[in-house]
C-alpha cells in the first residue's frame, strides 16, 4: 500500500512510530510522533521512511462482573 496522510511509518534506520500529516514539494513528508508526553513534528525525506508493520489491536478488558 502506498504511503498517504494518516499512514503509520518508521525511519528505515529505526525509531518511533510516526504518522504522516502531509507531503511536501521536495519528496518529503511531515510526520508527527510522541516523545514521552511531548508531540513532535518534523519533515523527513520519503526515501528514509518505510511503512510500519501492522500490529494486532489490543484486546479490551472485559467489563467487571457485578
N, C-alpha and C. Protein backbone atom coordinates (compact mmCIF):
# COMPACT_ATOMS: atom_id res chain seq x y z
N UNK A 1 0.85 -1.18 0.00
CA UNK A 1 0.00 0.00 0.00
C UNK A 1 0.89 1.25 0.00
N UNK A 2 0.51 2.22 -0.76
CA UNK A 2 1.29 3.45 -0.86
C UNK A 2 1.08 4.31 0.38
N UNK A 3 2.12 5.03 0.75
CA UNK A 3 2.01 5.94 1.89
C UNK A 3 1.09 7.10 1.52
N UNK A 4 0.32 7.53 2.51
CA UNK A 4 -0.60 8.65 2.34
C UNK A 4 -0.78 9.32 3.69
N UNK A 5 -1.35 10.54 3.73
CA UNK A 5 -1.59 11.15 5.04
C UNK A 5 -2.39 10.20 5.93
N UNK A 6 -1.92 10.05 7.16
CA UNK A 6 -2.55 9.12 8.10
C UNK A 6 -1.82 7.79 8.20
N UNK A 7 -0.92 7.51 7.24
CA UNK A 7 -0.16 6.26 7.29
C UNK A 7 0.81 6.29 8.46
N UNK A 8 0.99 5.13 9.08
CA UNK A 8 1.96 4.99 10.16
C UNK A 8 3.27 4.50 9.54
N UNK A 9 4.34 5.23 9.81
CA UNK A 9 5.64 4.93 9.21
C UNK A 9 6.72 4.89 10.29
N UNK A 10 7.87 4.44 9.86
CA UNK A 10 9.04 4.42 10.73
C UNK A 10 10.26 4.75 9.87
N UNK A 11 11.27 5.34 10.45
CA UNK A 11 12.50 5.58 9.70
C UNK A 11 13.15 4.24 9.36
N UNK A 12 13.74 4.15 8.20
CA UNK A 12 14.42 2.91 7.81
C UNK A 12 15.53 2.56 8.78
N UNK A 13 16.09 3.56 9.42
CA UNK A 13 17.16 3.33 10.41
C UNK A 13 16.61 3.00 11.79
N UNK A 14 15.28 3.02 11.96
CA UNK A 14 14.66 2.73 13.25
C UNK A 14 14.14 3.99 13.92
N UNK A 15 13.48 3.82 15.04
CA UNK A 15 12.95 4.96 15.78
C UNK A 15 11.49 4.76 16.12
N UNK A 16 10.82 5.82 16.57
CA UNK A 16 9.43 5.69 16.99
C UNK A 16 8.48 5.59 15.80
N UNK A 17 7.29 5.07 16.06
CA UNK A 17 6.24 5.07 15.05
C UNK A 17 5.79 6.51 14.85
N UNK A 18 5.58 6.89 13.59
CA UNK A 18 5.18 8.26 13.27
C UNK A 18 4.00 8.21 12.32
N UNK A 19 3.20 9.26 12.32
CA UNK A 19 2.06 9.38 11.42
C UNK A 19 2.35 10.49 10.41
N UNK A 20 2.10 10.19 9.13
CA UNK A 20 2.29 11.21 8.10
C UNK A 20 1.14 12.21 8.17
N UNK A 21 1.47 13.49 8.28
CA UNK A 21 0.47 14.57 8.27
C UNK A 21 0.22 15.06 6.86
N UNK A 22 1.31 15.31 6.13
CA UNK A 22 1.19 15.84 4.78
C UNK A 22 2.46 15.59 4.01
N UNK A 23 2.37 15.72 2.69
CA UNK A 23 3.54 15.60 1.82
C UNK A 23 3.99 16.97 1.38
N UNK A 24 5.29 17.13 1.22
CA UNK A 24 5.85 18.40 0.79
C UNK A 24 6.14 18.41 -0.70
N UNK A 25 6.74 19.48 -1.12
CA UNK A 25 7.05 19.67 -2.54
C UNK A 25 8.38 19.05 -2.93
N UNK A 26 9.15 18.55 -1.97
CA UNK A 26 10.51 18.08 -2.24
C UNK A 26 10.68 16.61 -1.90
N UNK A 27 9.68 15.79 -2.23
CA UNK A 27 9.73 14.35 -1.94
C UNK A 27 10.00 14.11 -0.46
N UNK A 28 9.22 14.81 0.37
CA UNK A 28 9.34 14.66 1.81
C UNK A 28 7.95 14.59 2.44
N UNK A 29 7.92 14.25 3.71
CA UNK A 29 6.66 14.13 4.44
C UNK A 29 6.82 14.73 5.83
N UNK A 30 5.78 15.44 6.28
CA UNK A 30 5.75 15.97 7.64
C UNK A 30 5.14 14.89 8.52
N UNK A 31 5.89 14.46 9.50
CA UNK A 31 5.45 13.37 10.38
C UNK A 31 5.30 13.86 11.82
N UNK A 32 4.41 13.20 12.55
CA UNK A 32 4.22 13.50 13.97
C UNK A 32 4.40 12.23 14.79
N UNK A 33 4.87 12.40 16.01
CA UNK A 33 5.02 11.29 16.94
C UNK A 33 5.11 11.86 18.34
N UNK A 34 4.97 11.00 19.32
CA UNK A 34 5.08 11.42 20.71
C UNK A 34 6.42 10.96 21.27
N UNK A 35 7.06 11.85 22.01
CA UNK A 35 8.27 11.53 22.75
C UNK A 35 7.96 11.86 24.19
N UNK A 36 7.79 10.82 25.00
CA UNK A 36 7.26 10.95 26.34
C UNK A 36 5.89 11.61 26.24
N UNK A 37 5.69 12.80 26.79
CA UNK A 37 4.37 13.44 26.71
C UNK A 37 4.35 14.59 25.72
N UNK A 38 5.43 14.75 24.96
CA UNK A 38 5.53 15.86 24.01
C UNK A 38 5.19 15.40 22.60
N UNK A 39 4.42 16.22 21.89
CA UNK A 39 4.11 15.97 20.49
C UNK A 39 5.24 16.55 19.65
N UNK A 40 5.82 15.75 18.78
CA UNK A 40 6.93 16.19 17.93
C UNK A 40 6.48 16.18 16.48
N UNK A 41 7.02 17.11 15.69
CA UNK A 41 6.75 17.20 14.25
C UNK A 41 8.05 17.51 13.54
N UNK A 42 8.23 16.84 12.39
CA UNK A 42 9.44 17.09 11.60
C UNK A 42 9.22 16.59 10.18
N UNK A 43 9.98 17.18 9.24
CA UNK A 43 9.95 16.76 7.84
C UNK A 43 11.03 15.71 7.63
N UNK A 44 10.69 14.64 6.88
CA UNK A 44 11.63 13.58 6.55
C UNK A 44 11.57 13.28 5.07
N UNK A 45 12.72 12.97 4.47
CA UNK A 45 12.76 12.55 3.07
C UNK A 45 12.03 11.21 2.93
N UNK A 46 11.24 11.08 1.87
CA UNK A 46 10.48 9.84 1.67
C UNK A 46 11.39 8.63 1.53
N UNK A 47 12.58 8.81 0.96
CA UNK A 47 13.49 7.66 0.80
C UNK A 47 13.96 7.10 2.14
N UNK A 48 13.83 7.86 3.21
CA UNK A 48 14.24 7.41 4.53
C UNK A 48 13.13 6.80 5.36
N UNK A 49 11.91 6.74 4.79
CA UNK A 49 10.76 6.21 5.51
C UNK A 49 10.30 4.88 4.93
N UNK A 50 9.69 4.06 5.77
CA UNK A 50 9.01 2.85 5.31
C UNK A 50 7.74 2.70 6.12
N UNK A 51 6.78 1.99 5.54
CA UNK A 51 5.54 1.77 6.28
C UNK A 51 5.83 0.88 7.48
N UNK A 52 5.20 1.19 8.60
CA UNK A 52 5.39 0.40 9.81
C UNK A 52 4.64 -0.92 9.67
N UNK A 53 5.16 -1.99 10.24
CA UNK A 53 4.43 -3.25 10.20
C UNK A 53 3.09 -3.10 10.91
N UNK A 54 2.09 -3.77 10.40
CA UNK A 54 0.78 -3.70 11.04
C UNK A 54 0.83 -4.44 12.36
N UNK A 55 0.08 -3.95 13.31
CA UNK A 55 0.06 -4.56 14.64
C UNK A 55 -1.33 -5.08 14.93
N UNK A 56 -1.41 -6.02 15.81
CA UNK A 56 -2.69 -6.55 16.24
C UNK A 56 -3.25 -5.62 17.30
N UNK A 57 -4.52 -5.18 17.15
CA UNK A 57 -5.08 -4.27 18.15
C UNK A 57 -5.11 -4.93 19.53
N UNK A 58 -4.96 -4.10 20.55
CA UNK A 58 -5.04 -4.61 21.93
C UNK A 58 -6.44 -5.08 22.22
N UNK A 59 -6.53 -6.13 23.01
CA UNK A 59 -7.84 -6.60 23.43
C UNK A 59 -8.34 -5.71 24.56
N UNK A 60 -9.61 -5.36 24.48
CA UNK A 60 -10.18 -4.56 25.56
C UNK A 60 -10.47 -5.47 26.74
N UNK A 61 -10.33 -4.91 27.94
CA UNK A 61 -10.63 -5.67 29.13
C UNK A 61 -12.12 -5.91 29.21
N UNK A 62 -12.48 -7.09 29.63
CA UNK A 62 -13.90 -7.42 29.80
C UNK A 62 -14.45 -6.61 30.97
N UNK A 63 -15.68 -6.15 30.87
CA UNK A 63 -16.26 -5.40 31.98
C UNK A 63 -16.34 -6.27 33.24
N UNK A 64 -16.17 -5.63 34.38
CA UNK A 64 -16.24 -6.34 35.66
C UNK A 64 -17.64 -6.89 35.86
N UNK A 65 -17.68 -8.12 36.36
CA UNK A 65 -18.99 -8.75 36.62
C UNK A 65 -19.53 -8.26 37.96
N UNK A 66 -20.84 -7.96 37.99
CA UNK A 66 -21.41 -7.47 39.26
C UNK A 66 -21.48 -8.53 40.33
